[in-house]
Amino acid sequence: MAQDTMINLSQPVVLVGLMGAGKTTIGRRLAQALHVPFIDSDHEIIEAAGCSISDIFALYGETIFRDLEQRVLIRLIS
């Protein structure tokens, strides 16, 4: 397979796990190996909220964070 050829996956690959488990590291490596784009959902959440994840928790609580996280994930996999 050529280096610049991207694989057309029929479904997105989503890594789920505890904070600090290595999802971003593994995701970047997997995307590179598959020649597909990598999207970090934490980055997308921060962009959507306009503040850090720790600020979202501090200002609005876990329930609001989880709602935002779910909406961002649904948008990303749609």
PDB file of N, CA and C in Angstrom:
ATOM      1  N   MET A   1       0.851  -1.177   0.000  1.00  0.00           N
ATOM      2  CA  MET A   1       0.000   0.000   0.000  1.00  0.00           C
ATOM      3  C   MET A   1       0.890   1.232   0.000  1.00  0.00           C
ATOM      4  N   ALA A   2       0.568   2.202  -0.836  1.00  0.00           N
ATOM      5  CA  ALA A   2       1.342   3.433  -0.906  1.00  0.00           C
ATOM      6  C   ALA A   2       1.195   4.229   0.383  1.00  0.00           C
ATOM      7  N   GLN A   3       2.245   4.946   0.728  1.00  0.00           N
ATOM      8  CA  GLN A   3       2.246   5.727   1.962  1.00  0.00           C
ATOM      9  C   GLN A   3       1.140   6.775   2.000  1.00  0.00           C
ATOM     10  N   ASP A   4       0.807   7.376   0.847  1.00  0.00           N
ATOM     11  CA  ASP A   4      -0.180   8.447   0.838  1.00  0.00           C
ATOM     12  C   ASP A   4      -1.601   7.960   0.568  1.00  0.00           C
ATOM     13  N   THR A   5      -1.805   6.663   0.473  1.00  0.00           N
ATOM     14  CA  THR A   5      -3.127   6.100   0.247  1.00  0.00           C
ATOM     15  C   THR A   5      -3.863   5.975   1.575  1.00  0.00           C
ATOM     16  N   MET A   6      -5.077   6.527   1.626  1.00  0.00           N
ATOM     17  CA  MET A   6      -5.876   6.431   2.834  1.00  0.00           C
ATOM     18  C   MET A   6      -6.852   5.273   2.695  1.00  0.00           C
ATOM     19  N   ILE A   7      -7.041   4.533   3.754  1.00  0.00           N
ATOM     20  CA  ILE A   7      -7.996   3.434   3.771  1.00  0.00           C
ATOM     21  C   ILE A   7      -9.385   4.021   3.963  1.00  0.00           C
ATOM     22  N   ASN A   8     -10.357   3.498   3.241  1.00  0.00           N
ATOM     23  CA  ASN A   8     -11.733   3.935   3.398  1.00  0.00           C
ATOM     24  C   ASN A   8     -12.419   2.958   4.349  1.00  0.00           C
ATOM     25  N   LEU A   9     -12.449   3.313   5.635  1.00  0.00           N
ATOM     26  CA  LEU A   9     -13.095   2.463   6.634  1.00  0.00           C
ATOM     27  C   LEU A   9     -14.599   2.625   6.519  1.00  0.00           C
ATOM     28  N   SER A  10     -15.328   1.524   6.653  1.00  0.00           N
ATOM     29  CA  SER A  10     -16.783   1.612   6.585  1.00  0.00           C
ATOM     30  C   SER A  10     -17.383   2.104   7.898  1.00  0.00           C
ATOM     31  N   GLN A  11     -16.634   1.998   8.973  1.00  0.00           N
ATOM     32  CA  GLN A  11     -17.081   2.460  10.290  1.00  0.00           C
ATOM     33  C   GLN A  11     -15.925   3.174  10.976  1.00  0.00           C
ATOM     34  N   PRO A  12     -16.214   4.166  11.810  1.00  0.00           N
ATOM     35  CA  PRO A  12     -15.125   4.816  12.542  1.00  0.00           C
ATOM     36  C   PRO A  12     -14.550   3.879  13.601  1.00  0.00           C
ATOM     37  N   VAL A  13     -13.301   4.084  13.923  1.00  0.00           N
ATOM     38  CA  VAL A  13     -12.658   3.360  15.013  1.00  0.00           C
ATOM     39  C   VAL A  13     -12.687   4.287  16.222  1.00  0.00           C
ATOM     40  N   VAL A  14     -13.262   3.829  17.322  1.00  0.00           N
ATOM     41  CA  VAL A  14     -13.387   4.636  18.526  1.00  0.00           C
ATOM     42  C   VAL A  14     -12.696   3.902  19.665  1.00  0.00           C
ATOM     43  N   LEU A  15     -11.768   4.585  20.328  1.00  0.00           N
ATOM     44  CA  LEU A  15     -11.089   4.000  21.476  1.00  0.00           C
ATOM     45  C   LEU A  15     -11.716   4.551  22.743  1.00  0.00           C
ATOM     46  N   VAL A  16     -12.078   3.662  23.655  1.00  0.00           N
ATOM     47  CA  VAL A  16     -12.733   4.036  24.897  1.00  0.00           C
ATOM     48  C   VAL A  16     -11.913   3.480  26.054  1.00  0.00           C
ATOM     49  N   GLY A  17     -11.718   4.285  27.080  1.00  0.00           N
ATOM     50  CA  GLY A  17     -10.983   3.805  28.237  1.00  0.00           C
ATOM     51  C   GLY A  17     -10.841   4.900  29.273  1.00  0.00           C
ATOM     52  N   LEU A  18     -10.232   4.534  30.369  1.00  0.00           N
ATOM     53  CA  LEU A  18     -10.027   5.470  31.467  1.00  0.00           C
ATOM     54  C   LEU A  18      -9.056   6.581  31.081  1.00  0.00           C
ATOM     55  N   MET A  19      -9.175   7.724  31.742  1.00  0.00           N
ATOM     56  CA  MET A  19      -8.266   8.829  31.538  1.00  0.00           C
ATOM     57  C   MET A  19      -6.834   8.355  31.811  1.00  0.00           C
ATOM     58  N   GLY A  20      -5.939   8.687  30.921  1.00  0.00           N
ATOM     59  CA  GLY A  20      -4.544   8.318  31.090  1.00  0.00           C
ATOM     60  C   GLY A  20      -4.196   6.914  30.636  1.00  0.00           C
ATOM     61  N   ALA A  21      -5.152   6.216  30.024  1.00  0.00           N
ATOM     62  CA  ALA A  21      -4.913   4.830  29.609  1.00  0.00           C
ATOM     63  C   ALA A  21      -4.094   4.735  28.323  1.00  0.00           C
ATOM     64  N   GLY A  22      -3.961   5.837  27.591  1.00  0.00           N
ATOM     65  CA  GLY A  22      -3.176   5.830  26.363  1.00  0.00           C
ATOM     66  C   GLY A  22      -3.985   5.862  25.088  1.00  0.00           C
ATOM     67  N   LYS A  23      -5.256   6.252  25.181  1.00  0.00           N
ATOM     68  CA  LYS A  23      -6.117   6.278  23.994  1.00  0.00           C
ATOM     69  C   LYS A  23      -5.562   7.189  22.901  1.00  0.00           C
ATOM     70  N   THR A  24      -5.092   8.363  23.275  1.00  0.00           N
ATOM     71  CA  THR A  24      -4.575   9.305  22.288  1.00  0.00           C
ATOM     72  C   THR A  24      -3.313   8.761  21.630  1.00  0.00           C
ATOM     73  N   THR A  25      -2.411   8.231  22.418  1.00  0.00           N
ATOM     74  CA  THR A  25      -1.169   7.675  21.874  1.00  0.00           C
ATOM     75  C   THR A  25      -1.456   6.529  20.920  1.00  0.00           C
ATOM     76  N   ILE A  26      -2.285   5.598  21.357  1.00  0.00           N
ATOM     77  CA  ILE A  26      -2.630   4.445  20.514  1.00  0.00           C
ATOM     78  C   ILE A  26      -3.423   4.907  19.291  1.00  0.00           C
ATOM     79  N   GLY A  27      -4.345   5.837  19.491  1.00  0.00           N
ATOM     80  CA  GLY A  27      -5.142   6.343  18.375  1.00  0.00           C
ATOM     81  C   GLY A  27      -4.298   6.988  17.301  1.00  0.00           C
ATOM     82  N   ARG A  28      -3.328   7.793  17.701  1.00  0.00           N
ATOM     83  CA  ARG A  28      -2.439   8.429  16.724  1.00  0.00           C
ATOM     84  C   ARG A  28      -1.639   7.377  15.954  1.00  0.00           C
ATOM     85  N   ARG A  29      -1.119   6.399  16.674  1.00  0.00           N
ATOM     86  CA  ARG A  29      -0.335   5.342  16.019  1.00  0.00           C
ATOM     87  C   ARG A  29      -1.201   4.501  15.083  1.00  0.00           C
ATOM     88  N   LEU A  30      -2.409   4.179  15.527  1.00  0.00           N
ATOM     89  CA  LEU A  30      -3.323   3.386  14.698  1.00  0.00           C
ATOM     90  C   LEU A  30      -3.705   4.155  13.434  1.00  0.00           C
ATOM     91  N   ALA A  31      -4.036   5.432  13.597  1.00  0.00           N
ATOM     92  CA  ALA A  31      -4.395   6.257  12.439  1.00  0.00           C
ATOM     93  C   ALA A  31      -3.231   6.341  11.457  1.00  0.00           C
ATOM     94  N   GLN A  32      -2.027   6.486  11.977  1.00  0.00           N
ATOM     95  CA  GLN A  32      -0.849   6.547  11.110  1.00  0.00           C
ATOM     96  C   GLN A  32      -0.657   5.223  10.373  1.00  0.00           C
ATOM     97  N   ALA A  33      -0.806   4.122  11.082  1.00  0.00           N
ATOM     98  CA  ALA A  33      -0.633   2.800  10.465  1.00  0.00           C
ATOM     99  C   ALA A  33      -1.694   2.533   9.404  1.00  0.00           C
ATOM    100  N   LEU A  34      -2.919   3.012   9.625  1.00  0.00           N
ATOM    101  CA  LEU A  34      -4.018   2.800   8.681  1.00  0.00           C
ATOM    102  C   LEU A  34      -4.100   3.885   7.612  1.00  0.00           C
ATOM    103  N   HIS A  35      -3.277   4.936   7.759  1.00  0.00           N
ATOM    104  CA  HIS A  35      -3.283   6.064   6.829  1.00  0.00           C
ATOM    105  C   HIS A  35      -4.652   6.735   6.794  1.00  0.00           C
ATOM    106  N   VAL A  36      -5.197   6.958   7.973  1.00  0.00           N
ATOM    107  CA  VAL A  36      -6.482   7.653   8.105  1.00  0.00           C
ATOM    108  C   VAL A  36      -6.294   8.825   9.064  1.00  0.00           C
ATOM    109  N   PRO A  37      -7.167   9.815   9.014  1.00  0.00           N
ATOM    110  CA  PRO A  37      -7.036  10.950   9.928  1.00  0.00           C
ATOM    111  C   PRO A  37      -7.318  10.541  11.376  1.00  0.00           C
ATOM    112  N   PHE A  38      -6.672  11.235  12.294  1.00  0.00           N
ATOM    113  CA  PHE A  38      -6.908  11.035  13.722  1.00  0.00           C
ATOM    114  C   PHE A  38      -7.646  12.245  14.253  1.00  0.00           C
ATOM    115  N   ILE A  39      -8.712  12.011  14.989  1.00  0.00           N
ATOM    116  CA  ILE A  39      -9.463  13.095  15.642  1.00  0.00           C
ATOM    117  C   ILE A  39      -9.494  12.795  17.124  1.00  0.00           C
ATOM    118  N   ASP A  40      -9.007  13.730  17.919  1.00  0.00           N
ATOM    119  CA  ASP A  40      -9.000  13.587  19.370  1.00  0.00           C
ATOM    120  C   ASP A  40     -10.292  14.195  19.918  1.00  0.00           C
ATOM    121  N   SER A  41     -11.166  13.365  20.468  1.00  0.00           N
ATOM    122  CA  SER A  41     -12.459  13.862  20.953  1.00  0.00           C
ATOM    123  C   SER A  41     -12.286  14.863  22.087  1.00  0.00           C
ATOM    124  N   ASP A  42     -11.258  14.706  22.915  1.00  0.00           N
ATOM    125  CA  ASP A  42     -11.025  15.700  23.976  1.00  0.00           C
ATOM    126  C   ASP A  42     -10.781  17.077  23.375  1.00  0.00           C
ATOM    127  N   HIS A  43      -9.995  17.130  22.327  1.00  0.00           N
ATOM    128  CA  HIS A  43      -9.742  18.407  21.649  1.00  0.00           C
ATOM    129  C   HIS A  43     -11.044  18.983  21.092  1.00  0.00           C
ATOM    130  N   GLU A  44     -11.862  18.136  20.510  1.00  0.00           N
ATOM    131  CA  GLU A  44     -13.144  18.575  19.950  1.00  0.00           C
ATOM    132  C   GLU A  44     -14.082  19.084  21.047  1.00  0.00           C
ATOM    133  N   ILE A  45     -14.054  18.444  22.212  1.00  0.00           N
ATOM    134  CA  ILE A  45     -14.871  18.887  23.347  1.00  0.00           C
ATOM    135  C   ILE A  45     -14.407  20.254  23.820  1.00  0.00           C
ATOM    136  N   ILE A  46     -13.104  20.440  23.920  1.00  0.00           N
ATOM    137  CA  ILE A  46     -12.532  21.723  24.347  1.00  0.00           C
ATOM    138  C   ILE A  46     -12.924  22.820  23.360  1.00  0.00           C
ATOM    139  N   GLU A  47     -12.845  22.520  22.071  1.00  0.00           N
ATOM    140  CA  GLU A  47     -13.242  23.491  21.040  1.00  0.00           C
ATOM    141  C   GLU A  47     -14.722  23.852  21.164  1.00  0.00           C
ATOM    142  N   ALA A  48     -15.566  22.838  21.368  1.00  0.00           N
ATOM    143  CA  ALA A  48     -17.011  23.071  21.463  1.00  0.00           C
ATOM    144  C   ALA A  48     -17.368  23.894  22.698  1.00  0.00           C
ATOM    145  N   ALA A  49     -16.685  23.623  23.804  1.00  0.00           N
ATOM    146  CA  ALA A  49     -17.006  24.300  25.064  1.00  0.00           C
ATOM    147  C   ALA A  49     -16.323  25.652  25.196  1.00  0.00           C
ATOM    148  N   GLY A  50     -15.204  25.814  24.520  1.00  0.00           N
ATOM    149  CA  GLY A  50     -14.460  27.060  24.642  1.00  0.00           C
ATOM    150  C   GLY A  50     -13.668  27.154  25.936  1.00  0.00           C
ATOM    151  N   CYS A  51     -13.469  26.013  26.599  1.00  0.00           N
ATOM    152  CA  CYS A  51     -12.655  25.982  27.816  1.00  0.00           C
ATOM    153  C   CYS A  51     -12.127  24.563  28.018  1.00  0.00           C
ATOM    154  N   SER A  52     -11.224  24.409  28.966  1.00  0.00           N
ATOM    155  CA  SER A  52     -10.603  23.106  29.201  1.00  0.00           C
ATOM    156  C   SER A  52     -11.599  22.119  29.822  1.00  0.00           C
ATOM    157  N   ILE A  53     -11.261  20.850  29.734  1.00  0.00           N
ATOM    158  CA  ILE A  53     -12.104  19.821  30.336  1.00  0.00           C
ATOM    159  C   ILE A  53     -12.162  19.994  31.851  1.00  0.00           C
ATOM    160  N   SER A  54     -11.029  20.316  32.463  1.00  0.00           N
ATOM    161  CA  SER A  54     -11.048  20.534  33.917  1.00  0.00           C
ATOM    162  C   SER A  54     -11.934  21.724  34.279  1.00  0.00           C
ATOM    163  N   ASP A  55     -11.961  22.757  33.432  1.00  0.00           N
ATOM    164  CA  ASP A  55     -12.860  23.891  33.677  1.00  0.00           C
ATOM    165  C   ASP A  55     -14.322  23.496  33.508  1.00  0.00           C
ATOM    166  N   ILE A  56     -14.614  22.650  32.525  1.00  0.00           N
ATOM    167  CA  ILE A  56     -15.991  22.182  32.339  1.00  0.00           C
ATOM    168  C   ILE A  56     -16.458  21.464  33.599  1.00  0.00           C
ATOM    169  N   PHE A  57     -15.616  20.560  34.123  1.00  0.00           N
ATOM    170  CA  PHE A  57     -15.965  19.845  35.353  1.00  0.00           C
ATOM    171  C   PHE A  57     -16.154  20.816  36.512  1.00  0.00           C
ATOM    172  N   ALA A  58     -15.232  21.764  36.668  1.00  0.00           N
ATOM    173  CA  ALA A  58     -15.285  22.698  37.800  1.00  0.00           C
ATOM    174  C   ALA A  58     -16.490  23.632  37.718  1.00  0.00           C
ATOM    175  N   LEU A  59     -16.782  24.113  36.519  1.00  0.00           N
ATOM    176  CA  LEU A  59     -17.855  25.099  36.363  1.00  0.00           C
ATOM    177  C   LEU A  59     -19.239  24.479  36.246  1.00  0.00           C
ATOM    178  N   TYR A  60     -19.325  23.321  35.573  1.00  0.00           N
ATOM    179  CA  TYR A  60     -20.632  22.762  35.239  1.00  0.00           C
ATOM    180  C   TYR A  60     -20.898  21.365  35.781  1.00  0.00           C
ATOM    181  N   GLY A  61     -19.846  20.660  36.171  1.00  0.00           N
ATOM    182  CA  GLY A  61     -20.014  19.328  36.732  1.00  0.00           C
ATOM    183  C   GLY A  61     -19.921  18.223  35.700  1.00  0.00           C
ATOM    184  N   GLU A  62     -19.850  16.998  36.217  1.00  0.00           N
ATOM    185  CA  GLU A  62     -19.664  15.835  35.352  1.00  0.00           C
ATOM    186  C   GLU A  62     -20.853  15.581  34.446  1.00  0.00           C
ATOM    187  N   THR A  63     -22.057  15.798  34.920  1.00  0.00           N
ATOM    188  CA  THR A  63     -23.248  15.526  34.104  1.00  0.00           C
ATOM    189  C   THR A  63     -23.235  16.359  32.831  1.00  0.00           C
ATOM    190  N   ILE A  64     -22.924  17.639  32.951  1.00  0.00           N
ATOM    191  CA  ILE A  64     -22.866  18.514  31.775  1.00  0.00           C
ATOM    192  C   ILE A  64     -21.715  18.091  30.868  1.00  0.00           C
ATOM    193  N   PHE A  65     -20.562  17.749  31.472  1.00  0.00           N
ATOM    194  CA  PHE A  65     -19.441  17.282  30.659  1.00  0.00           C
ATOM    195  C   PHE A  65     -19.836  16.052  29.865  1.00  0.00           C
ATOM    196  N   ARG A  66     -20.467  15.077  30.510  1.00  0.00           N
ATOM    197  CA  ARG A  66     -20.840  13.829  29.819  1.00  0.00           C
ATOM    198  C   ARG A  66     -21.847  14.104  28.704  1.00  0.00           C
ATOM    199  N   ASP A  67     -22.748  15.048  28.910  1.00  0.00           N
ATOM    200  CA  ASP A  67     -23.702  15.416  27.867  1.00  0.00           C
ATOM    201  C   ASP A  67     -22.972  16.019  26.674  1.00  0.00           C
ATOM    202  N   LEU A  68     -22.059  16.932  26.935  1.00  0.00           N
ATOM    203  CA  LEU A  68     -21.273  17.536  25.870  1.00  0.00           C
ATOM    204  C   LEU A  68     -20.418  16.490  25.161  1.00  0.00           C
ATOM    205  N   GLU A  69     -19.798  15.614  25.937  1.00  0.00           N
ATOM    206  CA  GLU A  69     -18.982  14.543  25.379  1.00  0.00           C
ATOM    207  C   GLU A  69     -19.817  13.671  24.436  1.00  0.00           C
ATOM    208  N   GLN A  70     -21.009  13.309  24.864  1.00  0.00           N
ATOM    209  CA  GLN A  70     -21.879  12.467  24.044  1.00  0.00           C
ATOM    210  C   GLN A  70     -22.257  13.172  22.748  1.00  0.00           C
ATOM    211  N   ARG A  71     -22.612  14.447  22.838  1.00  0.00           N
ATOM    212  CA  ARG A  71     -23.002  15.187  21.638  1.00  0.00           C
ATOM    213  C   ARG A  71     -21.840  15.310  20.656  1.00  0.00           C
ATOM    214  N   VAL A  72     -20.646  15.560  21.177  1.00  0.00           N
ATOM    215  CA  VAL A  72     -19.468  15.665  20.318  1.00  0.00           C
ATOM    216  C   VAL A  72     -19.167  14.322  19.665  1.00  0.00           C
ATOM    217  N   LEU A  73     -19.226  13.241  20.430  1.00  0.00           N
ATOM    218  CA  LEU A  73     -18.958  11.917  19.871  1.00  0.00           C
ATOM    219  C   LEU A  73     -19.961  11.537  18.795  1.00  0.00           C
ATOM    220  N   ILE A  74     -21.222  11.838  19.022  1.00  0.00           N
ATOM    221  CA  ILE A  74     -22.251  11.548  18.015  1.00  0.00           C
ATOM    222  C   ILE A  74     -21.948  12.330  16.742  1.00  0.00           C
ATOM    223  N   ARG A  75     -21.578  13.595  16.892  1.00  0.00           N
ATOM    224  CA  ARG A  75     -21.227  14.400  15.708  1.00  0.00           C
ATOM    225  C   ARG A  75     -20.025  13.803  14.978  1.00  0.00           C
ATOM    226  N   LEU A  76     -19.027  13.372  15.715  1.00  0.00           N
ATOM    227  CA  LEU A  76     -17.809  12.838  15.093  1.00  0.00           C
ATOM    228  C   LEU A  76     -18.039  11.526  14.349  1.00  0.00           C
ATOM    229  N   ILE A  77     -18.920  10.686  14.846  1.00  0.00           N
ATOM    230  CA  ILE A  77     -19.116   9.389  14.191  1.00  0.00           C
ATOM    231  C   ILE A  77     -20.237   9.408  13.159  1.00  0.00           C
ATOM    232  N   SER A  78     -20.920  10.530  13.052  1.00  0.00           N
ATOM    233  CA  SER A  78     -22.011  10.637  12.052  1.00  0.00           C
ATOM    234  C   SER A  78     -21.450  10.914  10.668  1.00  0.00           C
TER     235      SER A  78
END
